[in-house]
Amino acid sequence: SMTGATVHYVDEEYDRGTIIGQSRVPVEPNDSAEVVAARVLEIEHRLYPLAAEHVCSALIEGRDPGPLELPELSSSTTTDLEHTE
């Protein structure tokens, strides 16, 4: 299964703003919550600056940012926390 990180505009409803960028993170059968959280955090740390740069560049250039086209981001965090309970 999958989970992931999403960067979106904020509006009056919780988690309902227009999506700027998204990246998926795999959840393996034996993953602990800590392993999944570490994978998501790593992707968030890569996704947020890309999204901020995308939006800021578009606004400076006077164009609509639209959605961010991302290559698939992958997490390297697997073995560090794999067996931590």
N, C-alpha and C. Protein backbone atom coordinates (compact mmCIF):
# COMPACT_ATOMS: atom_id res chain seq x y z
N SER A 1 0.83 -1.18 0.00
CA SER A 1 0.00 0.00 0.00
C SER A 1 0.88 1.25 0.00
N MET A 2 0.24 2.38 -0.12
CA MET A 2 0.97 3.64 -0.23
C MET A 2 0.41 4.68 0.74
N THR A 3 1.27 5.61 1.09
CA THR A 3 0.88 6.83 1.79
C THR A 3 1.66 7.94 1.10
N GLY A 4 1.76 9.10 1.68
CA GLY A 4 2.54 10.12 1.01
C GLY A 4 2.46 11.48 1.66
N ALA A 5 2.96 12.45 0.91
CA ALA A 5 2.99 13.84 1.37
C ALA A 5 2.33 14.70 0.30
N THR A 6 1.61 15.69 0.75
CA THR A 6 0.93 16.62 -0.14
C THR A 6 1.20 18.04 0.31
N VAL A 7 1.50 18.91 -0.63
CA VAL A 7 1.58 20.35 -0.37
C VAL A 7 0.40 20.97 -1.10
N HIS A 8 -0.39 21.75 -0.37
CA HIS A 8 -1.56 22.37 -0.98
C HIS A 8 -1.78 23.76 -0.42
N TYR A 9 -2.54 24.54 -1.18
CA TYR A 9 -2.95 25.85 -0.69
C TYR A 9 -3.92 25.64 0.47
N VAL A 10 -3.95 26.58 1.38
CA VAL A 10 -4.85 26.51 2.52
C VAL A 10 -6.10 27.32 2.20
N ASP A 11 -7.25 26.72 2.47
CA ASP A 11 -8.50 27.46 2.35
C ASP A 11 -9.31 27.25 3.62
N GLU A 12 -10.59 27.57 3.58
CA GLU A 12 -11.40 27.52 4.80
C GLU A 12 -11.71 26.11 5.29
N GLU A 13 -11.51 25.10 4.47
CA GLU A 13 -11.79 23.72 4.89
C GLU A 13 -10.49 22.96 5.09
N TYR A 14 -10.46 22.15 6.13
CA TYR A 14 -9.28 21.37 6.48
C TYR A 14 -8.90 20.42 5.34
N ASP A 15 -7.64 20.47 4.93
CA ASP A 15 -7.09 19.58 3.90
C ASP A 15 -7.86 19.59 2.58
N ARG A 16 -8.40 20.73 2.19
CA ARG A 16 -9.17 20.78 0.96
C ARG A 16 -8.63 21.76 -0.06
N GLY A 17 -7.52 22.42 0.20
CA GLY A 17 -6.98 23.40 -0.74
C GLY A 17 -6.46 22.74 -2.01
N THR A 18 -6.33 23.52 -3.06
CA THR A 18 -5.81 23.03 -4.33
C THR A 18 -4.40 22.48 -4.13
N ILE A 19 -4.16 21.30 -4.67
CA ILE A 19 -2.87 20.62 -4.51
C ILE A 19 -1.82 21.29 -5.38
N ILE A 20 -0.67 21.55 -4.77
CA ILE A 20 0.49 22.09 -5.49
C ILE A 20 1.38 20.95 -5.93
N GLY A 21 1.66 20.01 -5.04
CA GLY A 21 2.51 18.87 -5.37
C GLY A 21 2.27 17.72 -4.41
N GLN A 22 2.53 16.52 -4.89
CA GLN A 22 2.31 15.31 -4.11
C GLN A 22 3.39 14.30 -4.42
N SER A 23 3.70 13.47 -3.44
CA SER A 23 4.62 12.37 -3.67
C SER A 23 4.18 11.17 -2.83
N ARG A 24 4.27 10.00 -3.43
CA ARG A 24 3.86 8.77 -2.75
C ARG A 24 5.03 8.13 -2.02
N VAL A 25 4.69 7.38 -0.98
CA VAL A 25 5.68 6.65 -0.19
C VAL A 25 5.12 5.25 0.03
N PRO A 26 5.92 4.21 -0.26
CA PRO A 26 5.41 2.85 -0.07
C PRO A 26 5.31 2.48 1.41
N VAL A 27 4.34 1.63 1.70
CA VAL A 27 4.20 1.04 3.03
C VAL A 27 4.33 -0.46 2.83
N GLU A 28 5.41 -1.00 3.36
CA GLU A 28 5.67 -2.44 3.23
C GLU A 28 4.96 -3.19 4.36
N PRO A 29 4.64 -4.48 4.15
CA PRO A 29 3.88 -5.24 5.14
C PRO A 29 4.48 -5.23 6.56
N ASN A 30 5.79 -5.26 6.69
CA ASN A 30 6.40 -5.33 8.02
C ASN A 30 6.85 -3.97 8.56
N ASP A 31 6.49 -2.89 7.91
CA ASP A 31 6.89 -1.56 8.36
C ASP A 31 6.21 -1.19 9.68
N SER A 32 6.99 -0.60 10.56
CA SER A 32 6.41 -0.02 11.78
C SER A 32 5.94 1.39 11.45
N ALA A 33 5.16 1.95 12.34
CA ALA A 33 4.70 3.33 12.16
C ALA A 33 5.89 4.28 12.09
N GLU A 34 6.94 4.00 12.85
CA GLU A 34 8.13 4.85 12.87
C GLU A 34 8.84 4.85 11.52
N VAL A 35 8.92 3.69 10.88
CA VAL A 35 9.57 3.58 9.57
C VAL A 35 8.78 4.38 8.53
N VAL A 36 7.48 4.21 8.53
CA VAL A 36 6.64 4.93 7.57
C VAL A 36 6.74 6.44 7.81
N ALA A 37 6.69 6.85 9.08
CA ALA A 37 6.79 8.27 9.41
C ALA A 37 8.13 8.85 8.95
N ALA A 38 9.21 8.09 9.10
CA ALA A 38 10.53 8.57 8.66
C ALA A 38 10.58 8.72 7.14
N ARG A 39 9.97 7.79 6.42
CA ARG A 39 9.92 7.89 4.96
C ARG A 39 9.14 9.12 4.52
N VAL A 40 7.99 9.32 5.14
CA VAL A 40 7.16 10.48 4.78
C VAL A 40 7.90 11.78 5.11
N LEU A 41 8.54 11.85 6.27
CA LEU A 41 9.27 13.06 6.66
C LEU A 41 10.38 13.38 5.66
N GLU A 42 11.10 12.36 5.22
CA GLU A 42 12.17 12.59 4.24
C GLU A 42 11.60 13.17 2.94
N ILE A 43 10.48 12.62 2.49
CA ILE A 43 9.85 13.12 1.27
C ILE A 43 9.32 14.54 1.48
N GLU A 44 8.75 14.80 2.65
CA GLU A 44 8.27 16.16 2.94
C GLU A 44 9.40 17.17 2.86
N HIS A 45 10.55 16.80 3.40
CA HIS A 45 11.70 17.72 3.39
C HIS A 45 12.21 17.98 1.98
N ARG A 46 11.95 17.09 1.06
CA ARG A 46 12.34 17.31 -0.34
C ARG A 46 11.23 18.01 -1.12
N LEU A 47 9.98 17.69 -0.79
CA LEU A 47 8.84 18.23 -1.52
C LEU A 47 8.56 19.69 -1.20
N TYR A 48 8.60 20.07 0.06
CA TYR A 48 8.23 21.43 0.46
C TYR A 48 9.08 22.50 -0.23
N PRO A 49 10.41 22.38 -0.23
CA PRO A 49 11.20 23.42 -0.92
C PRO A 49 10.92 23.48 -2.43
N LEU A 50 10.70 22.33 -3.05
CA LEU A 50 10.37 22.31 -4.48
C LEU A 50 9.05 23.04 -4.74
N ALA A 51 8.07 22.78 -3.90
CA ALA A 51 6.76 23.42 -4.07
C ALA A 51 6.86 24.93 -3.82
N ALA A 52 7.58 25.32 -2.79
CA ALA A 52 7.74 26.75 -2.50
C ALA A 52 8.44 27.47 -3.64
N GLU A 53 9.50 26.88 -4.17
CA GLU A 53 10.21 27.48 -5.30
C GLU A 53 9.30 27.58 -6.52
N HIS A 54 8.54 26.53 -6.78
CA HIS A 54 7.63 26.50 -7.92
C HIS A 54 6.61 27.65 -7.85
N VAL A 55 5.97 27.79 -6.69
CA VAL A 55 4.95 28.83 -6.52
C VAL A 55 5.58 30.22 -6.58
N CYS A 56 6.67 30.42 -5.85
CA CYS A 56 7.32 31.74 -5.83
C CYS A 56 7.81 32.16 -7.21
N SER A 57 8.43 31.24 -7.94
CA SER A 57 8.91 31.56 -9.29
C SER A 57 7.77 31.97 -10.20
N ALA A 58 6.67 31.22 -10.13
CA ALA A 58 5.52 31.54 -10.98
C ALA A 58 4.95 32.91 -10.62
N LEU A 59 4.81 33.19 -9.35
CA LEU A 59 4.25 34.48 -8.94
C LEU A 59 5.16 35.64 -9.33
N ILE A 60 6.46 35.46 -9.20
CA ILE A 60 7.41 36.50 -9.60
C ILE A 60 7.32 36.77 -11.10
N GLU A 61 7.12 35.70 -11.88
CA GLU A 61 7.02 35.82 -13.33
C GLU A 61 5.62 36.22 -13.79
N GLY A 62 4.68 36.37 -12.85
CA GLY A 62 3.33 36.79 -13.19
C GLY A 62 2.49 35.73 -13.87
N ARG A 63 2.75 34.47 -13.58
CA ARG A 63 1.95 33.40 -14.19
C ARG A 63 1.32 32.53 -13.10
N ASP A 64 0.32 31.77 -13.49
CA ASP A 64 -0.35 30.85 -12.57
C ASP A 64 0.59 29.68 -12.28
N PRO A 65 0.83 29.37 -11.02
CA PRO A 65 1.75 28.28 -10.70
C PRO A 65 1.28 26.91 -11.19
N GLY A 66 -0.03 26.66 -11.16
CA GLY A 66 -0.50 25.34 -11.56
C GLY A 66 0.14 24.27 -10.70
N PRO A 67 -0.14 23.00 -11.00
CA PRO A 67 0.46 21.92 -10.23
C PRO A 67 1.94 21.75 -10.55
N LEU A 68 2.67 21.28 -9.58
CA LEU A 68 4.09 21.02 -9.72
C LEU A 68 4.29 19.66 -10.36
N GLU A 69 5.02 19.61 -11.47
CA GLU A 69 5.34 18.34 -12.13
C GLU A 69 6.61 17.80 -11.49
N LEU A 70 6.48 16.69 -10.79
CA LEU A 70 7.61 16.12 -10.05
C LEU A 70 8.07 14.81 -10.65
N PRO A 71 9.37 14.59 -10.67
CA PRO A 71 9.83 13.23 -10.90
C PRO A 71 9.46 12.43 -9.65
N GLU A 72 9.40 11.14 -9.74
CA GLU A 72 9.09 10.33 -8.57
C GLU A 72 10.17 10.52 -7.53
N LEU A 73 9.79 11.01 -6.36
CA LEU A 73 10.73 11.15 -5.25
C LEU A 73 10.73 9.84 -4.49
N SER A 74 11.91 9.37 -4.14
CA SER A 74 11.96 8.13 -3.37
C SER A 74 12.68 8.39 -2.07
N SER A 75 12.31 7.61 -1.08
CA SER A 75 12.89 7.74 0.25
C SER A 75 14.00 6.72 0.41
N SER A 76 15.09 7.14 1.02
CA SER A 76 16.19 6.22 1.29
C SER A 76 16.08 5.65 2.69
N THR A 77 15.10 6.08 3.46
CA THR A 77 14.96 5.66 4.85
C THR A 77 14.24 4.33 4.92
N THR A 78 14.99 3.27 5.13
CA THR A 78 14.36 1.97 5.32
C THR A 78 15.05 1.21 6.44
N THR A 79 16.32 0.99 6.31
CA THR A 79 16.99 0.11 7.26
C THR A 79 17.24 0.74 8.62
N ASP A 80 17.40 2.07 8.70
CA ASP A 80 17.70 2.71 9.98
C ASP A 80 16.66 2.41 11.04
N LEU A 81 15.40 2.40 10.67
CA LEU A 81 14.34 2.24 11.65
C LEU A 81 13.55 0.95 11.47
N GLU A 82 13.95 0.12 10.54
CA GLU A 82 13.15 -1.04 10.20
C GLU A 82 12.81 -1.93 11.38
N HIS A 83 13.74 -2.15 12.27
CA HIS A 83 13.51 -3.08 13.36
C HIS A 83 13.34 -2.38 14.70
N THR A 84 13.06 -1.10 14.68
CA THR A 84 12.84 -0.35 15.92
C THR A 84 11.39 -0.50 16.34
N GLU A 85 11.17 -0.80 17.57
CA GLU A 85 9.80 -0.92 18.09
C GLU A 85 9.52 0.24 19.00
